[in-house]
Amino acid sequence: MTRRKPLAGIYQLTTFLALALLLLILFISAAYFFLIPAPEEPPGQGDVLAELAASRSAWESGRPVAFRYVVDRDCYCDPEYVEPYIATEEGGGKSAAFTIEIESASGEFISAPPGAVWIDDLFDLIEQSIREEKAIEVEYDQNLGFPVSIVVHPDPAPPDSVYRVEVRDFEITEYR
């Protein structure tokens, strides 16, 4: 019996290349589904609202009778809105004053900030921003639960539209 040598066909090389190309396409397609990261999802609105409710509850239960703090706002507004001021709350009465008189945009010297922001207002600001689906960063006081730092990024957010509020130097002047 004689063995015959197989004929070298012209299709052997193209079949091999087609198979290699098919495998390459399959590997790339599979890698697409396994290696492409999913977009980061922002924390759920329910989680942020739950944290707000817990902090507000902690504040209401531990709220001192009288206290004072410094409010430092930062926004693209008139100078009298961004100057830090001392806010005092005593048994339901509220007062706010600059440490020294400042010159307003109209040229008058003023001793009280226009549109003073109180701690209850900050809780409302946080809730409103969450409901309007604005990007917001909040830090709460560990002991009393009031907001210590708030940064609101409106959507769409030009760089000069970020609104920041910081509550610092909190001092209890009368306990329950």
Protein backbone atom coordinates (compact mmCIF):
# COMPACT_ATOMS: atom_id res chain seq x y z
CA MET A 1 0.00 0.00 0.00
CA THR A 2 1.31 3.32 -0.87
CA ARG A 3 0.51 6.41 1.04
CA ARG A 4 -0.42 9.41 -0.82
CA LYS A 5 0.70 12.77 0.28
CA PRO A 6 -2.24 15.12 0.93
CA LEU A 7 -2.59 17.86 -1.54
CA ALA A 8 -1.69 21.23 -0.22
CA GLY A 9 -4.84 23.26 -0.66
CA ILE A 10 -5.07 26.95 -1.00
CA TYR A 11 -7.82 27.07 1.64
CA GLN A 12 -5.80 25.74 4.60
CA LEU A 13 -4.12 29.07 5.35
CA THR A 14 -7.30 31.15 5.03
CA THR A 15 -9.24 28.72 7.23
CA PHE A 16 -6.59 29.07 9.95
CA LEU A 17 -6.66 32.89 9.71
CA ALA A 18 -10.48 32.95 9.85
CA LEU A 19 -10.46 30.75 12.96
CA ALA A 20 -7.82 32.94 14.64
CA LEU A 21 -9.82 36.09 13.82
CA LEU A 22 -13.03 34.52 15.17
CA LEU A 23 -11.31 33.61 18.45
CA LEU A 24 -9.86 37.11 18.74
CA ILE A 25 -13.33 38.64 18.30
CA LEU A 26 -14.78 36.32 20.94
CA PHE A 27 -12.07 37.15 23.49
CA ILE A 28 -12.44 40.89 22.93
CA SER A 29 -16.24 40.67 23.24
CA ALA A 30 -16.01 38.68 26.46
CA ALA A 31 -13.41 41.06 27.88
CA TYR A 32 -15.73 43.99 27.16
CA PHE A 33 -18.41 42.58 29.47
CA PHE A 34 -16.00 41.57 32.25
CA LEU A 35 -13.45 44.37 32.31
CA ILE A 36 -15.38 47.58 31.57
CA PRO A 37 -16.29 49.15 34.94
CA ALA A 38 -19.88 50.05 35.61
CA PRO A 39 -20.59 53.75 36.19
CA GLU A 40 -20.56 54.71 39.85
CA GLU A 41 -23.99 55.20 41.24
CA PRO A 42 -24.55 58.05 43.66
CA PRO A 43 -25.78 57.05 47.11
CA GLY A 44 -29.51 56.49 47.17
CA GLN A 45 -31.72 59.41 48.00
CA GLY A 46 -33.36 57.27 50.68
CA ASP A 47 -30.04 56.74 52.47
CA VAL A 48 -29.26 60.47 52.54
CA LEU A 49 -32.78 61.29 53.73
CA ALA A 50 -32.48 58.63 56.45
CA GLU A 51 -29.18 60.13 57.61
CA LEU A 52 -30.78 63.58 57.60
CA ALA A 53 -33.75 62.32 59.65
CA ALA A 54 -31.46 60.60 62.16
CA SER A 55 -29.30 63.72 62.55
CA ARG A 56 -32.34 65.99 62.87
CA SER A 57 -33.78 63.69 65.52
CA ALA A 58 -30.47 63.67 67.43
CA TRP A 59 -30.39 67.47 67.24
CA GLU A 60 -33.98 67.86 68.48
CA SER A 61 -33.45 65.47 71.40
CA GLY A 62 -30.09 66.93 72.48
CA ARG A 63 -30.64 70.58 71.59
CA PRO A 64 -29.33 72.88 74.35
CA VAL A 65 -31.45 75.74 75.71
CA ALA A 66 -28.94 78.41 74.67
CA PHE A 67 -25.94 78.22 72.35
CA ARG A 68 -23.88 80.22 69.89
CA TYR A 69 -21.82 79.37 66.85
CA VAL A 70 -20.06 80.95 63.89
CA VAL A 71 -21.60 80.64 60.43
CA ASP A 72 -19.20 80.92 57.52
CA ARG A 73 -20.89 80.99 54.11
CA ASP A 74 -19.17 80.89 50.75
CA CYS A 75 -20.99 81.68 47.53
CA TYR A 76 -20.75 83.93 44.51
CA CYS A 77 -22.62 86.77 46.23
CA ASP A 78 -22.15 90.18 47.81
CA PRO A 79 -19.45 90.48 50.51
CA GLU A 80 -21.97 90.83 53.34
CA TYR A 81 -23.22 87.30 52.59
CA VAL A 82 -19.79 85.67 52.79
CA GLU A 83 -18.51 87.42 55.91
CA PRO A 84 -18.58 85.04 58.93
CA TYR A 85 -20.99 85.99 61.70
CA ILE A 86 -21.86 84.85 65.20
CA ALA A 87 -25.32 83.35 65.59
CA THR A 88 -26.87 83.10 69.04
CA GLU A 89 -30.00 81.13 69.90
CA GLU A 90 -31.45 81.46 73.40
CA GLY A 91 -34.76 79.89 74.38
CA GLY A 92 -36.39 80.51 71.01
CA GLY A 93 -34.86 83.96 70.43
CA LYS A 94 -32.31 84.32 67.66
CA SER A 95 -29.73 87.00 66.93
CA ALA A 96 -26.84 87.29 64.49
CA ALA A 97 -24.03 89.84 64.36
CA PHE A 98 -20.70 90.41 62.68
CA THR A 99 -17.72 90.74 65.00
CA ILE A 100 -17.12 94.20 63.49
CA GLU A 101 -19.32 96.28 61.21
CA ILE A 102 -18.72 95.66 57.52
CA GLU A 103 -19.44 97.71 54.44
CA SER A 104 -22.26 96.35 52.33
CA ALA A 105 -22.44 96.43 48.54
CA SER A 106 -24.57 99.59 48.77
CA GLY A 107 -21.87 101.37 50.83
CA GLU A 108 -23.67 101.25 54.21
CA PHE A 109 -22.01 99.85 57.31
CA ILE A 110 -24.00 96.97 58.77
CA SER A 111 -23.60 94.99 61.99
CA ALA A 112 -26.03 92.13 61.27
CA PRO A 113 -25.84 89.77 58.30
CA PRO A 114 -28.64 89.88 55.74
CA GLY A 115 -30.44 86.57 55.43
CA ALA A 116 -28.84 84.95 58.49
CA VAL A 117 -28.90 81.17 58.40
CA TRP A 118 -29.80 79.17 61.51
CA ILE A 119 -29.27 75.49 62.26
CA ASP A 120 -32.93 74.66 61.51
CA ASP A 121 -32.53 76.44 58.17
CA LEU A 122 -29.52 74.25 57.39
CA PHE A 123 -31.58 71.09 57.91
CA ASP A 124 -34.20 72.54 55.53
CA LEU A 125 -31.49 73.44 52.98
CA ILE A 126 -30.19 69.88 53.05
CA GLU A 127 -33.66 68.40 52.62
CA GLN A 128 -34.56 70.78 49.79
CA SER A 129 -31.28 70.06 47.97
CA ILE A 130 -31.83 66.31 48.25
CA ARG A 131 -35.40 66.56 46.96
CA GLU A 132 -34.23 68.72 44.03
CA GLU A 133 -31.59 66.03 43.33
CA LYS A 134 -28.66 68.41 43.67
CA ALA A 135 -25.28 66.97 44.51
CA ILE A 136 -24.68 67.69 48.18
CA GLU A 137 -21.95 66.91 50.68
CA VAL A 138 -22.88 67.06 54.36
CA GLU A 139 -21.02 66.47 57.60
CA TYR A 140 -22.86 66.27 60.91
CA ASP A 141 -21.66 66.88 64.46
CA GLN A 142 -20.92 63.54 66.15
CA ASN A 143 -22.49 64.48 69.50
CA LEU A 144 -25.47 66.75 68.80
CA GLY A 145 -26.25 65.92 65.14
CA PHE A 146 -26.39 69.44 63.68
CA PRO A 147 -24.83 70.05 60.23
CA VAL A 148 -21.20 71.15 60.51
CA SER A 149 -20.42 71.47 56.80
CA ILE A 150 -22.67 71.65 53.74
CA VAL A 151 -21.58 71.93 50.12
CA VAL A 152 -24.34 72.16 47.49
CA HIS A 153 -23.45 71.66 43.82
CA PRO A 154 -26.34 72.78 41.60
CA ASP A 155 -26.89 70.81 38.40
CA PRO A 156 -25.62 71.90 35.91
CA ALA A 157 -22.91 73.41 38.05
CA PRO A 158 -20.85 76.30 36.77
CA PRO A 159 -17.80 76.69 39.01
CA ASP A 160 -19.09 79.87 40.62
CA SER A 161 -22.45 78.45 41.70
CA VAL A 162 -21.30 76.18 44.54
CA TYR A 163 -22.82 77.13 47.89
CA ARG A 164 -20.94 76.26 51.09
CA VAL A 165 -21.97 76.70 54.71
CA GLU A 166 -19.78 75.85 57.67
CA VAL A 167 -20.84 75.91 61.30
CA ARG A 168 -17.85 76.18 63.64
CA ASP A 169 -16.95 77.18 67.18
CA PHE A 170 -20.20 75.78 68.58
CA GLU A 171 -20.55 76.75 72.24
CA ILE A 172 -23.32 75.78 74.65
CA THR A 173 -24.13 78.70 76.93
CA GLU A 174 -26.98 77.09 78.93
CA TYR A 175 -27.85 73.43 79.46
CA ARG A 176 -31.30 71.98 80.05
